[in-house]
Amino acid sequence: MGNQLFRIARNSVDEALQAGGSSRQEALMKARNALSSAYANSTDAERAQLHSMQEELNQLQNSRS
């Protein structure tokens, strides 16, 4: 079945990366919250992937600021 919080975080990050206009900021906040929730219940391998997703969000925010 896997880690549901991890899947939610991955989906939220994907949505944030695709979001544009006024929905972008809300999508970024949702993705950051999902990453935070998933981190506490993740394996080391999942944490490494979550870290990469966080970096993607940081780059997205910095490039569109």
Protein backbone atom coordinates (compact mmCIF):
# COMPACT_ATOMS: atom_id res chain seq x y z
CA MET A 1 0.00 0.00 0.00
CA GLY A 2 2.84 2.40 0.72
CA ASN A 3 2.98 5.65 2.56
CA GLN A 4 -0.21 7.57 1.81
CA LEU A 5 1.18 10.86 3.16
CA PHE A 6 4.16 10.50 0.85
CA ARG A 7 1.86 9.98 -2.15
CA ILE A 8 -0.21 13.01 -1.18
CA ALA A 9 2.96 15.10 -0.88
CA ARG A 10 4.22 13.94 -4.28
CA ASN A 11 0.86 14.75 -5.89
CA SER A 12 0.72 18.15 -4.20
CA VAL A 13 4.20 19.03 -5.40
CA ASP A 14 3.26 17.98 -8.94
CA GLU A 15 0.19 20.23 -8.77
CA ALA A 16 2.27 23.14 -7.50
CA LEU A 17 4.78 22.72 -10.31
CA GLN A 18 1.96 22.88 -12.85
CA ALA A 19 -0.01 25.69 -11.17
CA GLY A 20 -0.01 29.15 -12.60
CA GLY A 21 -1.45 32.53 -11.86
CA SER A 22 -3.35 33.10 -8.65
CA SER A 23 -3.53 29.39 -7.77
CA ARG A 24 0.27 29.06 -7.62
CA GLN A 25 0.72 30.45 -4.10
CA GLU A 26 -2.07 28.30 -2.69
CA ALA A 27 -0.63 25.22 -4.40
CA LEU A 28 2.83 25.98 -2.98
CA MET A 29 1.45 26.27 0.54
CA LYS A 30 -0.51 23.04 0.16
CA ALA A 31 2.56 21.22 -1.13
CA ARG A 32 4.77 22.52 1.69
CA ASN A 33 2.22 21.38 4.29
CA ALA A 34 1.96 17.96 2.65
CA LEU A 35 5.76 17.60 2.63
CA SER A 36 5.91 18.49 6.30
CA SER A 37 3.23 15.94 7.18
CA ALA A 38 4.87 13.20 5.15
CA TYR A 39 8.36 13.75 6.53
CA ALA A 40 7.65 12.51 10.06
CA ASN A 41 6.25 9.19 8.84
CA SER A 42 8.74 8.43 6.09
CA THR A 43 11.60 6.04 5.58
CA ASP A 44 15.09 7.37 4.93
CA ALA A 45 14.67 6.79 1.19
CA GLU A 46 11.34 8.65 1.18
CA ARG A 47 12.90 11.51 3.16
CA ALA A 48 15.58 11.87 0.50
CA GLN A 49 12.87 12.11 -2.15
CA LEU A 50 10.88 14.58 -0.03
CA HIS A 51 14.00 16.71 0.27
CA SER A 52 14.33 16.74 -3.52
CA MET A 53 10.69 17.76 -3.83
CA GLN A 54 11.28 20.59 -1.34
CA GLU A 55 14.19 21.79 -3.45
CA GLU A 56 11.92 21.79 -6.52
CA LEU A 57 9.41 23.95 -4.68
CA ASN A 58 12.17 26.32 -3.56
CA GLN A 59 13.38 26.68 -7.14
CA LEU A 60 9.84 27.24 -8.37
CA GLN A 61 9.21 29.93 -5.80
CA ASN A 62 12.53 31.65 -6.46
CA SER A 63 12.14 31.57 -10.24
CA ARG A 64 8.65 33.01 -10.19
CA SER A 65 9.08 35.59 -7.45
